Amino acid sequence: MSGAGYPPEPWDLRGQMHATAWIVPARDLPELPPGVRPLTFAGRALVVAAWVDYRPPGVLSYRELMVTVVLRGGPAVSIPHIWVDSPASLAGGRALWHIPKELAEFTMSDEPDFAAEAREDGNLLAGAEFRHRRALPVRLPLAFSILQRGPKRSGVRVAARLGVARSAWRAGDGGPLAFLGGRRPLVSLVARDFRMRFGGRPERE
């Protein structure tokens, strides 16, 4: 651990992820860092929100809700909103990769299906329910970049057993995720037993 209480990069992480993608008008997107441009088609962009449960034997164990916007020049995303329940993850995310993490309180359950809720200062950020379907028997690899202010580009490599799911989301009225409220999901996925390496590559200006 660093003097600030977080591990040095790269972070080797393990866990489960439940993610949903939406098509959103570009005018409704959260603010992105200067010079970071979303990938758009006919004035619409792709937004992915995910619940993540990071577990041992990863370098940190915590829960997370994040919103990402798919960018031009990919595969790459930017993270305008993200909450965790770990001060070490918050400090490391901000210092190492310029990821604007905030603290929130989480409830998560995964039996028989997945349900989650996140609150900040007692106010609802979002809640969701996922109905699982069968996952693939093998782990599939994925590599992409996260681009934050600076610009700061960080590499991510993941291998996971993927499955399709049905999901229902609710967003807190007037909160930072209200722009997703009432929208129909494009697709929802479950990443089982993922292995992730976050960071460690030299940034590209």
C-alpha atoms as a PDB file:
ATOM      1  CA  MET A   1       0.000   0.000   0.000  1.00  0.00           C
ATOM      2  CA  SER A   2       1.093   3.583  -0.630  1.00  0.00           C
ATOM      3  CA  GLY A   3       1.361   6.170   2.093  1.00  0.00           C
ATOM      4  CA  ALA A   4      -2.151   7.291   1.107  1.00  0.00           C
ATOM      5  CA  GLY A   5      -3.489   3.796   1.793  1.00  0.00           C
ATOM      6  CA  TYR A   6      -3.993   2.524  -1.745  1.00  0.00           C
ATOM      7  CA  PRO A   7      -1.954   0.008  -3.766  1.00  0.00           C
ATOM      8  CA  PRO A   8       0.439   1.168  -6.492  1.00  0.00           C
ATOM      9  CA  GLU A   9      -0.641   0.509 -10.046  1.00  0.00           C
ATOM     10  CA  PRO A  10      -1.424  -1.747 -11.706  1.00  0.00           C
ATOM     11  CA  TRP A  11      -4.337  -3.037  -9.630  1.00  0.00           C
ATOM     12  CA  ASP A  12      -5.096  -6.728 -10.085  1.00  0.00           C
ATOM     13  CA  LEU A  13      -8.777  -7.120  -9.240  1.00  0.00           C
ATOM     14  CA  ARG A  14     -11.318  -9.949  -9.105  1.00  0.00           C
ATOM     15  CA  GLY A  15     -15.079  -9.947  -8.832  1.00  0.00           C
ATOM     16  CA  GLN A  16     -18.497  -9.795 -10.479  1.00  0.00           C
ATOM     17  CA  MET A  17     -20.016  -7.091 -12.694  1.00  0.00           C
ATOM     18  CA  HIS A  18     -23.591  -6.346 -13.792  1.00  0.00           C
ATOM     19  CA  ALA A  19     -23.751  -3.787 -16.608  1.00  0.00           C
ATOM     20  CA  THR A  20     -26.416  -2.161 -18.775  1.00  0.00           C
ATOM     21  CA  ALA A  21     -26.022  -0.105 -21.956  1.00  0.00           C
ATOM     22  CA  TRP A  22     -28.328   2.646 -23.198  1.00  0.00           C
ATOM     23  CA  ILE A  23     -28.489   4.846 -26.284  1.00  0.00           C
ATOM     24  CA  VAL A  24     -28.722   8.432 -25.011  1.00  0.00           C
ATOM     25  CA  PRO A  25     -29.050  11.752 -26.895  1.00  0.00           C
ATOM     26  CA  ALA A  26     -25.657  13.457 -26.840  1.00  0.00           C
ATOM     27  CA  ARG A  27     -27.222  16.621 -25.409  1.00  0.00           C
ATOM     28  CA  ASP A  28     -28.199  14.648 -22.259  1.00  0.00           C
ATOM     29  CA  LEU A  29     -24.741  13.234 -21.533  1.00  0.00           C
ATOM     30  CA  PRO A  30     -22.880  14.116 -18.329  1.00  0.00           C
ATOM     31  CA  GLU A  31     -20.011  16.557 -18.746  1.00  0.00           C
ATOM     32  CA  LEU A  32     -16.812  14.984 -20.073  1.00  0.00           C
ATOM     33  CA  PRO A  33     -13.242  16.284 -19.684  1.00  0.00           C
ATOM     34  CA  PRO A  34     -12.054  18.918 -22.182  1.00  0.00           C
ATOM     35  CA  GLY A  35     -11.013  17.349 -25.470  1.00  0.00           C
ATOM     36  CA  VAL A  36     -12.758  14.044 -24.734  1.00  0.00           C
ATOM     37  CA  ARG A  37     -15.369  13.356 -27.435  1.00  0.00           C
ATOM     38  CA  PRO A  38     -18.128  10.759 -27.266  1.00  0.00           C
ATOM     39  CA  LEU A  39     -18.752   8.357 -30.115  1.00  0.00           C
ATOM     40  CA  THR A  40     -22.064   9.480 -31.645  1.00  0.00           C
ATOM     41  CA  PHE A  41     -24.435   8.280 -34.339  1.00  0.00           C
ATOM     42  CA  ALA A  42     -27.254  10.591 -35.437  1.00  0.00           C
ATOM     43  CA  GLY A  43     -26.747  12.696 -32.311  1.00  0.00           C
ATOM     44  CA  ARG A  44     -26.842   9.742 -29.914  1.00  0.00           C
ATOM     45  CA  ALA A  45     -24.166   8.156 -27.735  1.00  0.00           C
ATOM     46  CA  LEU A  46     -23.631   4.868 -25.924  1.00  0.00           C
ATOM     47  CA  VAL A  47     -23.685   4.953 -22.110  1.00  0.00           C
ATOM     48  CA  VAL A  48     -22.865   1.946 -19.930  1.00  0.00           C
ATOM     49  CA  ALA A  49     -23.611   1.819 -16.202  1.00  0.00           C
ATOM     50  CA  ALA A  50     -22.299  -1.010 -14.045  1.00  0.00           C
ATOM     51  CA  TRP A  51     -22.424  -2.411 -10.548  1.00  0.00           C
ATOM     52  CA  VAL A  52     -19.162  -4.064  -9.532  1.00  0.00           C
ATOM     53  CA  ASP A  53     -18.406  -6.233  -6.514  1.00  0.00           C
ATOM     54  CA  TYR A  54     -14.623  -6.491  -6.168  1.00  0.00           C
ATOM     55  CA  ARG A  55     -13.638  -9.508  -4.072  1.00  0.00           C
ATOM     56  CA  PRO A  56     -10.559 -11.351  -2.760  1.00  0.00           C
ATOM     57  CA  PRO A  57      -7.955 -12.263  -3.907  1.00  0.00           C
ATOM     58  CA  GLY A  58      -7.858  -8.871  -5.665  1.00  0.00           C
ATOM     59  CA  VAL A  59      -5.693  -6.144  -4.163  1.00  0.00           C
ATOM     60  CA  LEU A  60      -8.812  -4.365  -2.854  1.00  0.00           C
ATOM     61  CA  SER A  61     -12.329  -5.502  -1.970  1.00  0.00           C
ATOM     62  CA  TYR A  62     -15.144  -2.969  -2.367  1.00  0.00           C
ATOM     63  CA  ARG A  63     -18.370  -2.190  -4.199  1.00  0.00           C
ATOM     64  CA  GLU A  64     -18.830   0.288  -7.011  1.00  0.00           C
ATOM     65  CA  LEU A  65     -21.411   1.977  -9.220  1.00  0.00           C
ATOM     66  CA  MET A  66     -20.041   3.694 -12.309  1.00  0.00           C
ATOM     67  CA  VAL A  67     -21.283   5.357 -15.474  1.00  0.00           C
ATOM     68  CA  THR A  68     -19.124   5.328 -18.607  1.00  0.00           C
ATOM     69  CA  VAL A  69     -19.481   7.022 -21.990  1.00  0.00           C
ATOM     70  CA  VAL A  70     -18.033   5.308 -25.076  1.00  0.00           C
ATOM     71  CA  LEU A  71     -15.546   7.560 -26.889  1.00  0.00           C
ATOM     72  CA  ARG A  72     -14.233   8.168 -30.355  1.00  0.00           C
ATOM     73  CA  GLY A  73     -10.890   6.621 -31.172  1.00  0.00           C
ATOM     74  CA  GLY A  74     -11.673   3.525 -29.125  1.00  0.00           C
ATOM     75  CA  PRO A  75     -11.986   1.094 -27.735  1.00  0.00           C
ATOM     76  CA  ALA A  76     -12.122   3.697 -24.968  1.00  0.00           C
ATOM     77  CA  VAL A  77     -14.513   5.123 -22.392  1.00  0.00           C
ATOM     78  CA  SER A  78     -14.605   8.030 -19.971  1.00  0.00           C
ATOM     79  CA  ILE A  79     -16.061   7.862 -16.458  1.00  0.00           C
ATOM     80  CA  PRO A  80     -18.051  10.988 -15.535  1.00  0.00           C
ATOM     81  CA  HIS A  81     -19.733   9.464 -12.449  1.00  0.00           C
ATOM     82  CA  ILE A  82     -18.507   6.771 -10.072  1.00  0.00           C
ATOM     83  CA  TRP A  83     -19.113   5.830  -6.438  1.00  0.00           C
ATOM     84  CA  VAL A  84     -17.339   3.326  -4.189  1.00  0.00           C
ATOM     85  CA  ASP A  85     -17.535   2.272  -0.545  1.00  0.00           C
ATOM     86  CA  SER A  86     -13.755   2.189  -0.018  1.00  0.00           C
ATOM     87  CA  PRO A  87     -11.698   5.255   0.964  1.00  0.00           C
ATOM     88  CA  ALA A  88      -8.575   3.516  -0.384  1.00  0.00           C
ATOM     89  CA  SER A  89     -10.207   2.959  -3.780  1.00  0.00           C
ATOM     90  CA  LEU A  90     -11.414   6.573  -3.826  1.00  0.00           C
ATOM     91  CA  ALA A  91      -7.953   7.958  -3.061  1.00  0.00           C
ATOM     92  CA  GLY A  92      -6.191   5.668  -5.532  1.00  0.00           C
ATOM     93  CA  GLY A  93      -8.656   6.252  -8.343  1.00  0.00           C
ATOM     94  CA  ARG A  94      -8.281  10.004  -8.081  1.00  0.00           C
ATOM     95  CA  ALA A  95      -4.519  10.100  -7.617  1.00  0.00           C
ATOM     96  CA  LEU A  96      -3.458   7.437 -10.119  1.00  0.00           C
ATOM     97  CA  TRP A  97      -5.974   7.803 -12.951  1.00  0.00           C
ATOM     98  CA  HIS A  98      -7.959  11.045 -12.381  1.00  0.00           C
ATOM     99  CA  ILE A  99     -11.154   9.023 -11.893  1.00  0.00           C
ATOM    100  CA  PRO A 100     -13.645  11.207  -9.948  1.00  0.00           C
ATOM    101  CA  LYS A 101     -14.672   8.653  -7.309  1.00  0.00           C
ATOM    102  CA  GLU A 102     -17.081   9.575  -4.533  1.00  0.00           C
ATOM    103  CA  LEU A 103     -18.219   7.602  -1.490  1.00  0.00           C
ATOM    104  CA  ALA A 104     -21.643   5.984  -1.259  1.00  0.00           C
ATOM    105  CA  GLU A 105     -23.486   3.348   0.764  1.00  0.00           C
ATOM    106  CA  PHE A 106     -24.339   0.107  -1.049  1.00  0.00           C
ATOM    107  CA  THR A 107     -26.645  -2.845  -0.629  1.00  0.00           C
ATOM    108  CA  MET A 108     -26.105  -5.831  -2.949  1.00  0.00           C
ATOM    109  CA  SER A 109     -27.505  -9.336  -3.120  1.00  0.00           C
ATOM    110  CA  ASP A 110     -26.902 -12.013  -5.730  1.00  0.00           C
ATOM    111  CA  GLU A 111     -29.168 -14.930  -4.798  1.00  0.00           C
ATOM    112  CA  PRO A 112     -31.102 -16.067  -6.725  1.00  0.00           C
ATOM    113  CA  ASP A 113     -30.837 -12.937  -8.906  1.00  0.00           C
ATOM    114  CA  PHE A 114     -28.904  -9.710  -8.513  1.00  0.00           C
ATOM    115  CA  ALA A 115     -30.263  -6.578  -6.808  1.00  0.00           C
ATOM    116  CA  ALA A 116     -28.384  -3.439  -5.788  1.00  0.00           C
ATOM    117  CA  GLU A 117     -28.923   0.055  -4.467  1.00  0.00           C
ATOM    118  CA  ALA A 118     -26.536   2.956  -3.894  1.00  0.00           C
ATOM    119  CA  ARG A 119     -27.155   6.025  -1.756  1.00  0.00           C
ATOM    120  CA  GLU A 120     -25.094   9.167  -1.186  1.00  0.00           C
ATOM    121  CA  ASP A 121     -25.778  11.035   2.057  1.00  0.00           C
ATOM    122  CA  GLY A 122     -28.994   9.034   2.326  1.00  0.00           C
ATOM    123  CA  ASN A 123     -30.240  10.059  -1.132  1.00  0.00           C
ATOM    124  CA  LEU A 124     -30.899   7.434  -3.777  1.00  0.00           C
ATOM    125  CA  LEU A 125     -28.373   7.413  -6.609  1.00  0.00           C
ATOM    126  CA  ALA A 126     -29.705   4.326  -8.359  1.00  0.00           C
ATOM    127  CA  GLY A 127     -31.115   0.874  -7.847  1.00  0.00           C
ATOM    128  CA  ALA A 128     -31.305  -2.098 -10.192  1.00  0.00           C
ATOM    129  CA  GLU A 129     -32.430  -5.687 -10.504  1.00  0.00           C
ATOM    130  CA  PHE A 130     -30.912  -8.212 -12.931  1.00  0.00           C
ATOM    131  CA  ARG A 131     -32.395 -11.555 -13.895  1.00  0.00           C
ATOM    132  CA  HIS A 132     -29.539 -13.880 -14.778  1.00  0.00           C
ATOM    133  CA  ARG A 133     -29.230 -16.085 -17.810  1.00  0.00           C
ATOM    134  CA  ARG A 134     -26.652 -18.754 -18.524  1.00  0.00           C
ATOM    135  CA  ALA A 135     -23.058 -17.561 -18.787  1.00  0.00           C
ATOM    136  CA  LEU A 136     -20.439 -18.794 -21.210  1.00  0.00           C
ATOM    137  CA  PRO A 137     -18.247 -21.622 -19.842  1.00  0.00           C
ATOM    138  CA  VAL A 138     -15.001 -19.861 -20.825  1.00  0.00           C
ATOM    139  CA  ARG A 139     -13.474 -16.492 -19.995  1.00  0.00           C
ATOM    140  CA  LEU A 140     -13.326 -14.015 -22.863  1.00  0.00           C
ATOM    141  CA  PRO A 141     -10.599 -11.334 -23.003  1.00  0.00           C
ATOM    142  CA  LEU A 142     -11.245  -7.617 -23.438  1.00  0.00           C
ATOM    143  CA  ALA A 143      -8.826  -4.685 -23.580  1.00  0.00           C
ATOM    144  CA  PHE A 144      -9.706  -0.977 -23.645  1.00  0.00           C
ATOM    145  CA  SER A 145      -8.629   2.434 -22.347  1.00  0.00           C
ATOM    146  CA  ILE A 146     -10.113   4.878 -19.880  1.00  0.00           C
ATOM    147  CA  LEU A 147      -9.585   8.535 -20.779  1.00  0.00           C
ATOM    148  CA  GLN A 148      -9.938  11.135 -18.016  1.00  0.00           C
ATOM    149  CA  ARG A 149      -8.935  14.762 -17.545  1.00  0.00           C
ATOM    150  CA  GLY A 150      -5.411  15.704 -18.509  1.00  0.00           C
ATOM    151  CA  PRO A 151      -5.833  13.824 -20.814  1.00  0.00           C
ATOM    152  CA  LYS A 152      -4.906  10.766 -18.762  1.00  0.00           C
ATOM    153  CA  ARG A 153      -5.162   7.466 -20.615  1.00  0.00           C
ATOM    154  CA  SER A 154      -5.110   4.239 -18.599  1.00  0.00           C
ATOM    155  CA  GLY A 155      -5.205   0.691 -19.901  1.00  0.00           C
ATOM    156  CA  VAL A 156      -7.609  -2.002 -18.691  1.00  0.00           C
ATOM    157  CA  ARG A 157      -7.477  -5.718 -19.429  1.00  0.00           C
ATOM    158  CA  VAL A 158     -10.308  -8.028 -18.382  1.00  0.00           C
ATOM    159  CA  ALA A 159     -11.123 -11.699 -18.772  1.00  0.00           C
ATOM    160  CA  ALA A 160     -14.597 -12.862 -17.708  1.00  0.00           C
ATOM    161  CA  ARG A 161     -17.368 -15.370 -18.288  1.00  0.00           C
ATOM    162  CA  LEU A 162     -20.102 -13.274 -19.925  1.00  0.00           C
ATOM    163  CA  GLY A 163     -23.834 -13.799 -19.881  1.00  0.00           C
ATOM    164  CA  VAL A 164     -26.895 -11.848 -21.031  1.00  0.00           C
ATOM    165  CA  ALA A 165     -29.427 -10.625 -18.457  1.00  0.00           C
ATOM    166  CA  ARG A 166     -32.662  -8.687 -18.146  1.00  0.00           C
ATOM    167  CA  SER A 167     -32.447  -5.567 -16.010  1.00  0.00           C
ATOM    168  CA  ALA A 168     -34.667  -2.888 -14.503  1.00  0.00           C
ATOM    169  CA  TRP A 169     -33.127   0.333 -13.210  1.00  0.00           C
ATOM    170  CA  ARG A 170     -34.391   3.278 -11.193  1.00  0.00           C
ATOM    171  CA  ALA A 171     -32.560   6.559 -10.702  1.00  0.00           C
ATOM    172  CA  GLY A 172     -32.900   9.101  -7.929  1.00  0.00           C
ATOM    173  CA  ASP A 173     -35.037  12.098  -8.874  1.00  0.00           C
ATOM    174  CA  GLY A 174     -32.856  15.103  -9.574  1.00  0.00           C
ATOM    175  CA  GLY A 175     -29.664  13.139  -8.935  1.00  0.00           C
ATOM    176  CA  PRO A 176     -26.641  12.742 -11.186  1.00  0.00           C
ATOM    177  CA  LEU A 177     -28.100   9.600 -12.818  1.00  0.00           C
ATOM    178  CA  ALA A 178     -31.545  11.055 -13.451  1.00  0.00           C
ATOM    179  CA  PHE A 179     -30.648  11.339 -17.165  1.00  0.00           C
ATOM    180  CA  LEU A 180     -31.001   7.541 -17.358  1.00  0.00           C
ATOM    181  CA  GLY A 181     -34.403   7.459 -15.704  1.00  0.00           C
ATOM    182  CA  GLY A 182     -37.180   5.969 -17.820  1.00  0.00           C
ATOM    183  CA  ARG A 183     -34.909   4.931 -20.676  1.00  0.00           C
ATOM    184  CA  ARG A 184     -35.169   1.448 -22.150  1.00  0.00           C
ATOM    185  CA  PRO A 185     -31.940  -0.567 -21.862  1.00  0.00           C
ATOM    186  CA  LEU A 186     -30.217  -1.621 -25.048  1.00  0.00           C
ATOM    187  CA  VAL A 187     -28.589  -4.708 -23.511  1.00  0.00           C
ATOM    188  CA  SER A 188     -27.565  -5.973 -20.070  1.00  0.00           C
ATOM    189  CA  LEU A 189     -24.609  -8.250 -19.369  1.00  0.00           C
ATOM    190  CA  VAL A 190     -23.162 -10.131 -16.428  1.00  0.00           C
ATOM    191  CA  ALA A 191     -19.394 -10.654 -16.101  1.00  0.00           C
ATOM    192  CA  ARG A 192     -18.797 -13.604 -13.786  1.00  0.00           C
ATOM    193  CA  ASP A 193     -15.545 -14.263 -11.964  1.00  0.00           C
ATOM    194  CA  PHE A 194     -13.688 -11.560 -13.863  1.00  0.00           C
ATOM    195  CA  ARG A 195      -9.962 -10.965 -13.638  1.00  0.00           C
ATOM    196  CA  MET A 196      -8.931  -7.375 -14.255  1.00  0.00           C
ATOM    197  CA  ARG A 197      -5.633  -5.536 -14.509  1.00  0.00           C
ATOM    198  CA  PHE A 198      -6.198  -1.791 -14.211  1.00  0.00           C
ATOM    199  CA  GLY A 199      -3.509   0.707 -15.114  1.00  0.00           C
ATOM    200  CA  GLY A 200       0.190   0.178 -15.404  1.00  0.00           C
ATOM    201  CA  ARG A 201       0.603   1.326 -18.991  1.00  0.00           C
ATOM    202  CA  PRO A 202       2.354   4.579 -19.781  1.00  0.00           C
ATOM    203  CA  GLU A 203      -0.215   7.262 -20.545  1.00  0.00           C
ATOM    204  CA  ARG A 204      -0.479   8.523 -24.106  1.00  0.00           C
ATOM    205  CA  GLU A 205      -0.801  12.250 -24.657  1.00  0.00           C
END
